[in-house]
Every structure is written in C-alpha cells, then in structure tokens.
Amino acid sequence: MALSSLAALPVTAAIRADHTHVLAAFHRYRHHSPWWRKRAIVSSACTALEIHTQLEEEILYPALARVDPDDDVLKKSKPEHDAIRQTIERLRGMGPENAAYDSLFMQLMRTVIHHVADEEAVLLPRVERMLEAELTSLGAAMTRRRIQLLGAHQPARIALDTLGTFPIAAALFGALTGIAVLRCFAAAHRPCGA
C-alpha cells in the first residue's frame, strides 16, 4: 500500500483522533493500578503527546499562522506544549513508586484536557474554515511525518505500552488478526476443487 493512500484523513480528523487516544489512556489510569500498568499508561500517553505536539508545531500551526497569525489560541498553544513537555520529562525521570507520580500525571491530564478543549472548541473549527482546501494535503503531510516519528520512538516499546494501556482492545485486535491470518492460510491451502 502506497504511503499516499494512507493519507486521506483530513488534518483536523487526525488531530481529533490523537486527542481521543490520549483521553482514552487518561481514563485507564487508576491510583490503585499495579506499577507496570501505571508505567505503560503514562509512557503510552507521553509518547502520543510528544508525537502529537511535534506534528502540530511542524505542520498545523505554521499553516494556520500563515492565514491567521494573530490567532489567540495559536499564540498560547506553543507555551502550553512546552509545559506539557516539561511535565513529561519529569514523569519520565521518575517511576510509579515515587509518591509524586500520581499527582504529576494528574497535573499532565489537567493541562492536556484544557489544551484539547481550546483546540476542539476554537482552533480546529477555525482551521476547517480557513484552510478548507488544504485539510487533506496537511493530513497527508502529518501522516508521513507521524510514520517517521513513530519509527524513531522504539516501536516495540510503543506496542508493549499500548498492550498495557488497552489490554482488552489489544487482545481483541490480536485475536481478529489471528483469525484473518488463519483464514487466509486455510484458503491458500485448500485442495483443488474443494
């Protein structure tokens, strides 16, 4: 499958999908969860946020700044990203056994939820109006760059963190994928005329 065929998603839909993914990870976090699950959820959310903020700063924000350089939400987005990065750095520097881990992750959640609310309510609708003709091409650029960034973020660790964050969904996906592979194998090895 060509990379360009993966890119049909408009940039705003990709941003909203990222928001949904991170918020879903946040909802999985519990103070009483085992340390390994907390670590997986935090790592998964942090990696997703690192990639997401970089994509917005490289692709979405410059495009919007080109047509609306005075946008207030856009002006405060970069400092909010910097605050998110600082919190992520602190989280990555400690483990779930640290007494401050839970409260620091809750702080990250609050910051991100506020940021997402601004983007969803104000920034993304503005992007859809002002950059309507570019939504798909910006989405294609974002998809290409996302693939590069995912490759640089240790894909095996991302997969393990996703499994720890969304174990039921990962198990269902694995089971469905296994069934599909078995069906393909069985179809390829049927006797002639069967």
N, C-alpha and C. Protein backbone atom coordinates (compact mmCIF):
# COMPACT_ATOMS: atom_id res chain seq x y z
N MET A 1 0.86 -1.17 0.00
CA MET A 1 0.00 0.00 0.00
C MET A 1 0.90 1.23 0.00
N ALA A 2 0.63 2.13 -0.91
CA ALA A 2 1.43 3.35 -1.00
C ALA A 2 1.15 4.26 0.18
N LEU A 3 2.16 4.98 0.60
CA LEU A 3 2.03 5.90 1.73
C LEU A 3 0.98 6.95 1.46
N SER A 4 0.86 7.40 0.21
CA SER A 4 -0.12 8.44 -0.12
C SER A 4 -1.54 7.94 0.06
N SER A 5 -1.78 6.63 -0.10
CA SER A 5 -3.14 6.12 0.08
C SER A 5 -3.55 6.06 1.54
N LEU A 6 -2.58 6.12 2.45
CA LEU A 6 -2.88 6.15 3.87
C LEU A 6 -3.30 7.54 4.34
N ALA A 7 -3.11 8.55 3.52
CA ALA A 7 -3.18 9.93 3.96
C ALA A 7 -4.49 10.63 3.66
N ALA A 8 -5.56 9.93 3.44
CA ALA A 8 -6.82 10.56 3.07
C ALA A 8 -7.49 11.29 4.24
N LEU A 9 -7.00 11.09 5.44
CA LEU A 9 -7.61 11.70 6.62
C LEU A 9 -7.28 13.19 6.68
N PRO A 10 -8.29 14.05 6.77
CA PRO A 10 -8.00 15.48 6.93
C PRO A 10 -7.22 15.75 8.22
N VAL A 11 -6.42 16.78 8.21
CA VAL A 11 -5.55 17.08 9.34
C VAL A 11 -6.35 17.23 10.64
N THR A 12 -7.51 17.85 10.57
CA THR A 12 -8.29 18.06 11.80
C THR A 12 -8.84 16.74 12.34
N ALA A 13 -9.15 15.81 11.46
CA ALA A 13 -9.61 14.49 11.92
C ALA A 13 -8.46 13.75 12.59
N ALA A 14 -7.25 13.89 12.06
CA ALA A 14 -6.08 13.25 12.68
C ALA A 14 -5.81 13.84 14.06
N ILE A 15 -5.93 15.15 14.18
CA ILE A 15 -5.73 15.81 15.48
C ILE A 15 -6.77 15.32 16.48
N ARG A 16 -8.03 15.28 16.05
CA ARG A 16 -9.10 14.80 16.95
C ARG A 16 -8.89 13.34 17.35
N ALA A 17 -8.40 12.52 16.43
CA ALA A 17 -8.12 11.11 16.76
C ALA A 17 -7.02 11.01 17.81
N ASP A 18 -6.00 11.86 17.69
CA ASP A 18 -4.94 11.89 18.70
C ASP A 18 -5.51 12.28 20.06
N HIS A 19 -6.36 13.30 20.07
CA HIS A 19 -6.98 13.73 21.33
C HIS A 19 -7.76 12.58 21.96
N THR A 20 -8.53 11.88 21.15
CA THR A 20 -9.34 10.76 21.65
C THR A 20 -8.44 9.67 22.23
N HIS A 21 -7.35 9.37 21.55
CA HIS A 21 -6.43 8.33 22.02
C HIS A 21 -5.85 8.69 23.40
N VAL A 22 -5.37 9.91 23.53
CA VAL A 22 -4.76 10.33 24.80
C VAL A 22 -5.80 10.38 25.91
N LEU A 23 -6.98 10.92 25.63
CA LEU A 23 -8.02 10.98 26.66
C LEU A 23 -8.45 9.57 27.08
N ALA A 24 -8.49 8.64 26.13
CA ALA A 24 -8.83 7.25 26.48
C ALA A 24 -7.76 6.66 27.40
N ALA A 25 -6.49 6.95 27.13
CA ALA A 25 -5.41 6.47 28.00
C ALA A 25 -5.55 7.08 29.39
N PHE A 26 -5.87 8.37 29.46
CA PHE A 26 -6.07 9.02 30.76
C PHE A 26 -7.15 8.30 31.57
N HIS A 27 -8.22 7.90 30.90
CA HIS A 27 -9.34 7.24 31.60
C HIS A 27 -8.97 5.86 32.13
N ARG A 28 -7.88 5.28 31.65
CA ARG A 28 -7.44 3.97 32.12
C ARG A 28 -6.63 4.05 33.41
N TYR A 29 -6.14 5.23 33.73
CA TYR A 29 -5.22 5.39 34.87
C TYR A 29 -5.99 5.37 36.19
N ARG A 30 -5.49 4.55 37.11
CA ARG A 30 -6.07 4.45 38.45
C ARG A 30 -4.94 4.49 39.47
N HIS A 31 -5.20 5.17 40.59
CA HIS A 31 -4.19 5.25 41.66
C HIS A 31 -3.83 3.86 42.18
N HIS A 32 -4.78 2.95 42.20
CA HIS A 32 -4.56 1.62 42.77
C HIS A 32 -4.08 0.58 41.75
N SER A 33 -3.84 0.99 40.51
CA SER A 33 -3.37 0.05 39.49
C SER A 33 -1.96 -0.45 39.83
N PRO A 34 -1.61 -1.64 39.35
CA PRO A 34 -0.24 -2.12 39.56
C PRO A 34 0.77 -1.18 38.89
N TRP A 35 1.98 -1.15 39.41
CA TRP A 35 3.00 -0.23 38.91
C TRP A 35 3.25 -0.39 37.43
N TRP A 36 3.26 -1.63 36.91
CA TRP A 36 3.56 -1.87 35.50
C TRP A 36 2.48 -1.28 34.59
N ARG A 37 1.22 -1.32 35.07
CA ARG A 37 0.12 -0.75 34.27
C ARG A 37 0.21 0.78 34.27
N LYS A 38 0.49 1.36 35.45
CA LYS A 38 0.67 2.81 35.52
C LYS A 38 1.79 3.25 34.57
N ARG A 39 2.90 2.54 34.62
CA ARG A 39 4.03 2.89 33.77
C ARG A 39 3.65 2.79 32.29
N ALA A 40 2.92 1.75 31.90
CA ALA A 40 2.52 1.58 30.50
C ALA A 40 1.59 2.71 30.06
N ILE A 41 0.63 3.04 30.90
CA ILE A 41 -0.33 4.10 30.56
C ILE A 41 0.38 5.44 30.44
N VAL A 42 1.22 5.76 31.39
CA VAL A 42 1.93 7.03 31.37
C VAL A 42 2.87 7.09 30.16
N SER A 43 3.59 6.02 29.90
CA SER A 43 4.51 6.00 28.77
C SER A 43 3.74 6.13 27.46
N SER A 44 2.63 5.42 27.34
CA SER A 44 1.82 5.49 26.12
C SER A 44 1.28 6.91 25.89
N ALA A 45 0.73 7.50 26.94
CA ALA A 45 0.18 8.86 26.83
C ALA A 45 1.29 9.86 26.52
N CYS A 46 2.43 9.72 27.18
CA CYS A 46 3.53 10.67 26.97
C CYS A 46 4.08 10.58 25.56
N THR A 47 4.27 9.37 25.05
CA THR A 47 4.77 9.21 23.68
C THR A 47 3.77 9.79 22.68
N ALA A 48 2.50 9.49 22.89
CA ALA A 48 1.47 10.04 21.99
C ALA A 48 1.47 11.57 22.03
N LEU A 49 1.62 12.13 23.20
CA LEU A 49 1.65 13.59 23.33
C LEU A 49 2.90 14.19 22.71
N GLU A 50 4.04 13.54 22.88
CA GLU A 50 5.27 14.05 22.27
C GLU A 50 5.14 14.10 20.75
N ILE A 51 4.63 13.03 20.17
CA ILE A 51 4.47 12.98 18.72
C ILE A 51 3.42 14.00 18.27
N HIS A 52 2.31 14.04 18.97
CA HIS A 52 1.20 14.95 18.64
C HIS A 52 1.65 16.41 18.67
N THR A 53 2.32 16.82 19.72
CA THR A 53 2.73 18.22 19.83
C THR A 53 3.74 18.57 18.73
N GLN A 54 4.63 17.65 18.42
CA GLN A 54 5.61 17.90 17.36
C GLN A 54 4.90 18.04 16.02
N LEU A 55 3.93 17.17 15.75
CA LEU A 55 3.18 17.25 14.49
C LEU A 55 2.43 18.57 14.37
N GLU A 56 1.78 18.99 15.46
CA GLU A 56 1.07 20.26 15.41
C GLU A 56 2.02 21.42 15.13
N GLU A 57 3.17 21.42 15.81
CA GLU A 57 4.11 22.53 15.67
C GLU A 57 4.79 22.55 14.31
N GLU A 58 5.00 21.38 13.72
CA GLU A 58 5.66 21.33 12.41
C GLU A 58 4.70 21.54 11.25
N ILE A 59 3.43 21.13 11.40
CA ILE A 59 2.52 21.11 10.25
C ILE A 59 1.30 22.00 10.44
N LEU A 60 0.55 21.79 11.51
CA LEU A 60 -0.72 22.51 11.67
C LEU A 60 -0.51 23.98 12.02
N TYR A 61 0.27 24.27 13.03
CA TYR A 61 0.42 25.65 13.49
C TYR A 61 1.02 26.58 12.44
N PRO A 62 2.07 26.15 11.71
CA PRO A 62 2.58 27.04 10.66
C PRO A 62 1.53 27.33 9.57
N ALA A 63 0.73 26.33 9.22
CA ALA A 63 -0.30 26.55 8.20
C ALA A 63 -1.34 27.56 8.68
N LEU A 64 -1.76 27.44 9.93
CA LEU A 64 -2.73 28.39 10.46
C LEU A 64 -2.10 29.77 10.63
N ALA A 65 -0.87 29.83 11.08
CA ALA A 65 -0.19 31.11 11.27
C ALA A 65 -0.04 31.87 9.94
N ARG A 66 0.08 31.13 8.86
CA ARG A 66 0.19 31.73 7.54
C ARG A 66 -1.06 32.53 7.18
N VAL A 67 -2.25 32.02 7.57
CA VAL A 67 -3.50 32.70 7.21
C VAL A 67 -4.11 33.51 8.35
N ASP A 68 -3.70 33.23 9.60
CA ASP A 68 -4.24 33.95 10.76
C ASP A 68 -3.17 34.07 11.85
N PRO A 69 -2.16 34.90 11.62
CA PRO A 69 -1.04 34.98 12.56
C PRO A 69 -1.41 35.54 13.93
N ASP A 70 -2.55 36.18 14.06
CA ASP A 70 -2.95 36.78 15.33
C ASP A 70 -3.91 35.91 16.15
N ASP A 71 -4.08 34.66 15.78
CA ASP A 71 -4.99 33.76 16.48
C ASP A 71 -4.54 33.59 17.94
N ASP A 72 -5.42 33.91 18.89
CA ASP A 72 -5.07 33.86 20.32
C ASP A 72 -4.78 32.44 20.81
N VAL A 73 -5.59 31.47 20.38
CA VAL A 73 -5.36 30.08 20.81
C VAL A 73 -4.04 29.59 20.25
N LEU A 74 -3.74 29.94 19.01
CA LEU A 74 -2.47 29.55 18.40
C LEU A 74 -1.29 30.14 19.19
N LYS A 75 -1.41 31.39 19.60
CA LYS A 75 -0.33 32.05 20.35
C LYS A 75 -0.04 31.36 21.67
N LYS A 76 -1.05 30.85 22.33
CA LYS A 76 -0.81 30.21 23.64
C LYS A 76 -0.55 28.71 23.53
N SER A 77 -0.71 28.14 22.33
CA SER A 77 -0.52 26.70 22.16
C SER A 77 0.93 26.26 22.37
N LYS A 78 1.89 26.98 21.82
CA LYS A 78 3.30 26.59 21.97
C LYS A 78 3.74 26.61 23.43
N PRO A 79 3.43 27.67 24.20
CA PRO A 79 3.79 27.62 25.63
C PRO A 79 3.09 26.47 26.37
N GLU A 80 1.86 26.15 25.99
CA GLU A 80 1.19 25.00 26.62
C GLU A 80 1.91 23.71 26.26
N HIS A 81 2.35 23.58 25.01
CA HIS A 81 3.13 22.41 24.62
C HIS A 81 4.42 22.32 25.42
N ASP A 82 5.06 23.46 25.64
CA ASP A 82 6.29 23.46 26.43
C ASP A 82 6.03 22.97 27.86
N ALA A 83 4.91 23.40 28.45
CA ALA A 83 4.55 22.95 29.80
C ALA A 83 4.27 21.44 29.80
N ILE A 84 3.61 20.95 28.77
CA ILE A 84 3.34 19.51 28.64
C ILE A 84 4.67 18.75 28.55
N ARG A 85 5.59 19.24 27.74
CA ARG A 85 6.90 18.58 27.59
C ARG A 85 7.67 18.56 28.92
N GLN A 86 7.61 19.65 29.66
CA GLN A 86 8.31 19.69 30.95
C GLN A 86 7.73 18.66 31.93
N THR A 87 6.42 18.54 31.94
CA THR A 87 5.78 17.56 32.82
C THR A 87 6.13 16.14 32.39
N ILE A 88 6.14 15.91 31.08
CA ILE A 88 6.52 14.59 30.56
C ILE A 88 7.95 14.25 30.96
N GLU A 89 8.84 15.21 30.84
CA GLU A 89 10.25 14.99 31.21
C GLU A 89 10.35 14.61 32.70
N ARG A 90 9.60 15.29 33.53
CA ARG A 90 9.62 14.96 34.96
C ARG A 90 9.05 13.57 35.21
N LEU A 91 7.95 13.22 34.52
CA LEU A 91 7.37 11.88 34.68
C LEU A 91 8.34 10.81 34.22
N ARG A 92 9.00 11.04 33.11
CA ARG A 92 9.95 10.04 32.59
C ARG A 92 11.16 9.89 33.51
N GLY A 93 11.42 10.89 34.33
CA GLY A 93 12.54 10.84 35.26
C GLY A 93 12.22 10.16 36.58
N MET A 94 11.00 9.72 36.75
CA MET A 94 10.62 9.02 38.00
C MET A 94 9.80 7.80 37.64
N GLY A 95 9.53 6.99 38.61
CA GLY A 95 8.74 5.80 38.39
C GLY A 95 7.47 5.82 39.21
N PRO A 96 6.59 4.86 38.97
CA PRO A 96 5.31 4.79 39.69
C PRO A 96 5.46 4.62 41.19
N GLU A 97 6.63 4.18 41.63
CA GLU A 97 6.84 4.02 43.08
C GLU A 97 7.04 5.37 43.78
N ASN A 98 7.32 6.42 43.02
CA ASN A 98 7.51 7.76 43.58
C ASN A 98 6.16 8.32 44.03
N ALA A 99 6.11 8.88 45.22
CA ALA A 99 4.87 9.41 45.78
C ALA A 99 4.26 10.53 44.92
N ALA A 100 5.10 11.24 44.16
CA ALA A 100 4.62 12.36 43.35
C ALA A 100 4.11 11.92 41.97
N TYR A 101 4.28 10.66 41.62
CA TYR A 101 3.94 10.17 40.27
C TYR A 101 2.47 10.39 39.93
N ASP A 102 1.59 9.94 40.81
CA ASP A 102 0.15 10.07 40.55
C ASP A 102 -0.26 11.53 40.39
N SER A 103 0.18 12.38 41.31
CA SER A 103 -0.24 13.78 41.24
C SER A 103 0.37 14.49 40.03
N LEU A 104 1.57 14.12 39.64
CA LEU A 104 2.18 14.73 38.46
C LEU A 104 1.44 14.31 37.19
N PHE A 105 1.04 13.04 37.13
CA PHE A 105 0.27 12.59 35.97
C PHE A 105 -1.10 13.28 35.94
N MET A 106 -1.70 13.48 37.10
CA MET A 106 -2.97 14.22 37.16
C MET A 106 -2.79 15.66 36.68
N GLN A 107 -1.67 16.26 37.02
CA GLN A 107 -1.36 17.61 36.54
C GLN A 107 -1.26 17.61 35.01
N LEU A 108 -0.58 16.60 34.45
CA LEU A 108 -0.48 16.49 33.00
C LEU A 108 -1.87 16.35 32.38
N MET A 109 -2.71 15.52 33.00
CA MET A 109 -4.08 15.35 32.49
C MET A 109 -4.82 16.68 32.44
N ARG A 110 -4.76 17.45 33.53
CA ARG A 110 -5.47 18.74 33.57
C ARG A 110 -4.97 19.69 32.49
N THR A 111 -3.67 19.77 32.32
CA THR A 111 -3.09 20.65 31.31
C THR A 111 -3.54 20.23 29.91
N VAL A 112 -3.47 18.94 29.64
CA VAL A 112 -3.83 18.43 28.31
C VAL A 112 -5.32 18.60 28.06
N ILE A 113 -6.16 18.30 29.04
CA ILE A 113 -7.61 18.44 28.85
C ILE A 113 -7.97 19.89 28.55
N HIS A 114 -7.36 20.83 29.25
CA HIS A 114 -7.60 22.26 28.97
C HIS A 114 -7.15 22.60 27.55
N HIS A 115 -5.98 22.13 27.17
CA HIS A 115 -5.43 22.39 25.84
C HIS A 115 -6.33 21.79 24.75
N VAL A 116 -6.75 20.56 24.95
CA VAL A 116 -7.63 19.89 23.99
C VAL A 116 -8.96 20.64 23.86
N ALA A 117 -9.51 21.11 24.97
CA ALA A 117 -10.77 21.85 24.92
C ALA A 117 -10.64 23.10 24.06
N ASP A 118 -9.55 23.83 24.23
CA ASP A 118 -9.31 25.02 23.40
C ASP A 118 -9.20 24.66 21.92
N GLU A 119 -8.44 23.62 21.65
CA GLU A 119 -8.27 23.23 20.24
C GLU A 119 -9.58 22.75 19.62
N GLU A 120 -10.30 21.90 20.35
CA GLU A 120 -11.54 21.33 19.80
C GLU A 120 -12.62 22.39 19.61
N ALA A 121 -12.72 23.32 20.56
CA ALA A 121 -13.79 24.32 20.51
C ALA A 121 -13.47 25.51 19.61
N VAL A 122 -12.20 25.88 19.52
CA VAL A 122 -11.85 27.13 18.82
C VAL A 122 -10.91 26.88 17.64
N LEU A 123 -9.76 26.29 17.90
CA LEU A 123 -8.71 26.20 16.90
C LEU A 123 -9.10 25.32 15.70
N LEU A 124 -9.55 24.11 15.95
CA LEU A 124 -9.85 23.19 14.84
C LEU A 124 -11.01 23.69 13.96
N PRO A 125 -12.09 24.22 14.53
CA PRO A 125 -13.13 24.79 13.65
C PRO A 125 -12.58 25.94 12.80
N ARG A 126 -11.70 26.73 13.35
CA ARG A 126 -11.09 27.83 12.59
C ARG A 126 -10.21 27.27 11.47
N VAL A 127 -9.44 26.24 11.76
CA VAL A 127 -8.61 25.59 10.74
C VAL A 127 -9.51 25.06 9.62
N GLU A 128 -10.62 24.44 9.99
CA GLU A 128 -11.52 23.87 8.97
C GLU A 128 -12.12 24.96 8.07
N ARG A 129 -12.35 26.14 8.61
CA ARG A 129 -12.87 27.25 7.80
C ARG A 129 -11.78 27.90 6.95
N MET A 130 -10.65 28.17 7.57
CA MET A 130 -9.62 28.97 6.92
C MET A 130 -8.71 28.15 5.99
N LEU A 131 -8.59 26.87 6.25
CA LEU A 131 -7.68 26.02 5.46
C LEU A 131 -8.43 24.87 4.78
N GLU A 132 -9.69 25.08 4.51
CA GLU A 132 -10.54 24.02 3.98
C GLU A 132 -9.92 23.30 2.77
N ALA A 133 -9.33 24.05 1.86
CA ALA A 133 -8.76 23.45 0.65
C ALA A 133 -7.48 22.65 0.93
N GLU A 134 -6.89 22.84 2.10
CA GLU A 134 -5.61 22.19 2.42
C GLU A 134 -5.73 21.05 3.44
N LEU A 135 -6.93 20.80 3.95
CA LEU A 135 -7.08 19.83 5.04
C LEU A 135 -6.51 18.46 4.70
N THR A 136 -6.79 17.97 3.50
CA THR A 136 -6.31 16.64 3.12
C THR A 136 -4.82 16.63 2.88
N SER A 137 -4.28 17.66 2.22
CA SER A 137 -2.83 17.68 1.97
C SER A 137 -2.06 17.84 3.29
N LEU A 138 -2.59 18.64 4.21
CA LEU A 138 -1.96 18.76 5.53
C LEU A 138 -2.05 17.43 6.28
N GLY A 139 -3.19 16.74 6.14
CA GLY A 139 -3.34 15.42 6.74
C GLY A 139 -2.33 14.42 6.18
N ALA A 140 -2.09 14.49 4.87
CA ALA A 140 -1.11 13.60 4.23
C ALA A 140 0.29 13.89 4.76
N ALA A 141 0.62 15.17 4.88
CA ALA A 141 1.93 15.55 5.42
C ALA A 141 2.06 15.06 6.86
N MET A 142 0.99 15.17 7.62
CA MET A 142 1.02 14.74 9.01
C MET A 142 1.19 13.22 9.10
N THR A 143 0.54 12.47 8.23
CA THR A 143 0.66 11.01 8.24
C THR A 143 2.09 10.59 7.92
N ARG A 144 2.68 11.21 6.89
CA ARG A 144 4.07 10.87 6.54
C ARG A 144 5.01 11.16 7.70
N ARG A 145 4.85 12.31 8.31
CA ARG A 145 5.72 12.69 9.42
C ARG A 145 5.48 11.82 10.64
N ARG A 146 4.22 11.45 10.89
CA ARG A 146 3.89 10.58 12.03
C ARG A 146 4.61 9.24 11.90
N ILE A 147 4.62 8.68 10.71
CA ILE A 147 5.29 7.40 10.48
C ILE A 147 6.77 7.52 10.79
N GLN A 148 7.39 8.63 10.38
CA GLN A 148 8.81 8.86 10.70
C GLN A 148 9.02 8.95 12.20
N LEU A 149 8.17 9.70 12.88
CA LEU A 149 8.33 9.88 14.33
C LEU A 149 8.07 8.59 15.09
N LEU A 150 7.09 7.82 14.65
CA LEU A 150 6.83 6.53 15.31
C LEU A 150 8.03 5.61 15.19
N GLY A 151 8.67 5.61 14.05
CA GLY A 151 9.86 4.78 13.84
C GLY A 151 11.01 5.18 14.75
N ALA A 152 11.08 6.46 15.10
CA ALA A 152 12.14 6.95 15.96
C ALA A 152 11.84 6.77 17.45
N HIS A 153 10.64 6.34 17.79
CA HIS A 153 10.22 6.20 19.20
C HIS A 153 10.12 4.74 19.64
N GLN A 154 10.99 3.88 19.19
CA GLN A 154 11.03 2.49 19.62
C GLN A 154 9.66 1.81 19.49
N PRO A 155 9.32 1.38 18.28
CA PRO A 155 8.01 0.77 18.03
C PRO A 155 7.66 -0.40 18.96
N ALA A 156 8.65 -1.20 19.34
CA ALA A 156 8.37 -2.33 20.23
C ALA A 156 7.88 -1.83 21.60
N ARG A 157 8.50 -0.76 22.10
CA ARG A 157 8.06 -0.20 23.39
C ARG A 157 6.66 0.39 23.26
N ILE A 158 6.38 1.04 22.15
CA ILE A 158 5.05 1.61 21.92
C ILE A 158 4.01 0.48 21.93
N ALA A 159 4.34 -0.62 21.27
CA ALA A 159 3.41 -1.76 21.22
C ALA A 159 3.16 -2.33 22.62
N LEU A 160 4.22 -2.50 23.41
CA LEU A 160 4.06 -3.02 24.77
C LEU A 160 3.27 -2.06 25.66
N ASP A 161 3.54 -0.76 25.53
CA ASP A 161 2.80 0.23 26.30
C ASP A 161 1.32 0.23 25.92
N THR A 162 1.04 0.08 24.63
CA THR A 162 -0.35 0.03 24.16
C THR A 162 -1.04 -1.21 24.72
N LEU A 163 -0.34 -2.32 24.73
CA LEU A 163 -0.90 -3.55 25.31
C LEU A 163 -1.21 -3.37 26.78
N GLY A 164 -0.32 -2.71 27.52
CA GLY A 164 -0.55 -2.46 28.94
C GLY A 164 -1.64 -1.44 29.20
N THR A 165 -1.83 -0.51 28.27
CA THR A 165 -2.83 0.55 28.42
C THR A 165 -4.22 0.07 28.03
N PHE A 166 -4.29 -0.65 26.91
CA PHE A 166 -5.57 -1.10 26.36
C PHE A 166 -5.54 -2.61 26.17
N PRO A 167 -5.44 -3.39 27.25
CA PRO A 167 -5.23 -4.84 27.10
C PRO A 167 -6.39 -5.56 26.41
N ILE A 168 -7.61 -5.19 26.67
CA ILE A 168 -8.74 -5.88 26.05
C ILE A 168 -8.79 -5.57 24.56
N ALA A 169 -8.65 -4.32 24.21
CA ALA A 169 -8.65 -3.93 22.79
C ALA A 169 -7.50 -4.60 22.05
N ALA A 170 -6.32 -4.64 22.68
CA ALA A 170 -5.16 -5.28 22.04
C ALA A 170 -5.40 -6.77 21.87
N ALA A 171 -5.99 -7.42 22.86
CA ALA A 171 -6.29 -8.85 22.76
C ALA A 171 -7.30 -9.12 21.65
N LEU A 172 -8.33 -8.29 21.58
CA LEU A 172 -9.33 -8.46 20.51
C LEU A 172 -8.71 -8.25 19.14
N PHE A 173 -7.89 -7.22 19.02
CA PHE A 173 -7.22 -6.96 17.75
C PHE A 173 -6.34 -8.15 17.37
N GLY A 174 -5.58 -8.65 18.35
CA GLY A 174 -4.71 -9.79 18.09
C GLY A 174 -5.51 -11.03 17.69
N ALA A 175 -6.62 -11.27 18.37
CA ALA A 175 -7.45 -12.43 18.04
C ALA A 175 -8.05 -12.29 16.63
N LEU A 176 -8.56 -11.12 16.33
CA LEU A 176 -9.15 -10.90 14.99
C LEU A 176 -8.10 -10.99 13.90
N THR A 177 -6.92 -10.49 14.17
CA THR A 177 -5.83 -10.57 13.20
C THR A 177 -5.43 -12.03 13.01
N GLY A 178 -5.34 -12.77 14.11
CA GLY A 178 -5.00 -14.18 14.02
C GLY A 178 -6.03 -14.97 13.24
N ILE A 179 -7.30 -14.70 13.46
CA ILE A 179 -8.37 -15.37 12.71
C ILE A 179 -8.24 -15.05 11.23
N ALA A 180 -8.00 -13.79 10.90
CA ALA A 180 -7.86 -13.40 9.50
C ALA A 180 -6.68 -14.11 8.85
N VAL A 181 -5.56 -14.21 9.57
CA VAL A 181 -4.38 -14.88 9.03
C VAL A 181 -4.67 -16.36 8.82
N LEU A 182 -5.33 -16.99 9.78
CA LEU A 182 -5.67 -18.41 9.64
C LEU A 182 -6.60 -18.65 8.46
N ARG A 183 -7.57 -17.77 8.25
CA ARG A 183 -8.49 -17.91 7.11
C ARG A 183 -7.74 -17.78 5.79
N CYS A 184 -6.83 -16.81 5.72
CA CYS A 184 -6.03 -16.65 4.51
C CYS A 184 -5.17 -17.88 4.27
N PHE A 185 -4.57 -18.40 5.34
CA PHE A 185 -3.73 -19.60 5.23
C PHE A 185 -4.56 -20.78 4.76
N ALA A 186 -5.73 -20.95 5.37
CA ALA A 186 -6.61 -22.07 5.02
C ALA A 186 -7.08 -21.95 3.57
N ALA A 187 -7.42 -20.74 3.14
CA ALA A 187 -7.89 -20.55 1.77
C ALA A 187 -6.78 -20.83 0.78
N ALA A 188 -5.57 -20.49 1.13
CA ALA A 188 -4.44 -20.70 0.23
C ALA A 188 -4.05 -22.16 0.13
N HIS A 189 -4.43 -22.95 1.13
CA HIS A 189 -4.02 -24.37 1.15
C HIS A 189 -5.18 -25.34 0.97
N ARG A 190 -6.30 -24.88 0.41
CA ARG A 190 -7.42 -25.78 0.11
C ARG A 190 -7.05 -26.66 -1.08
N PRO A 191 -7.47 -27.90 -1.02
CA PRO A 191 -7.24 -28.77 -2.18
C PRO A 191 -8.00 -28.23 -3.40
N CYS A 192 -7.48 -28.46 -4.57
CA CYS A 192 -8.13 -28.00 -5.80
C CYS A 192 -9.52 -28.62 -5.88
N GLY A 193 -10.50 -27.85 -6.29
CA GLY A 193 -11.85 -28.32 -6.45
C GLY A 193 -12.64 -28.39 -5.16
N ALA A 194 -12.06 -28.01 -4.02
CA ALA A 194 -12.77 -28.07 -2.75
C ALA A 194 -13.63 -26.87 -2.54
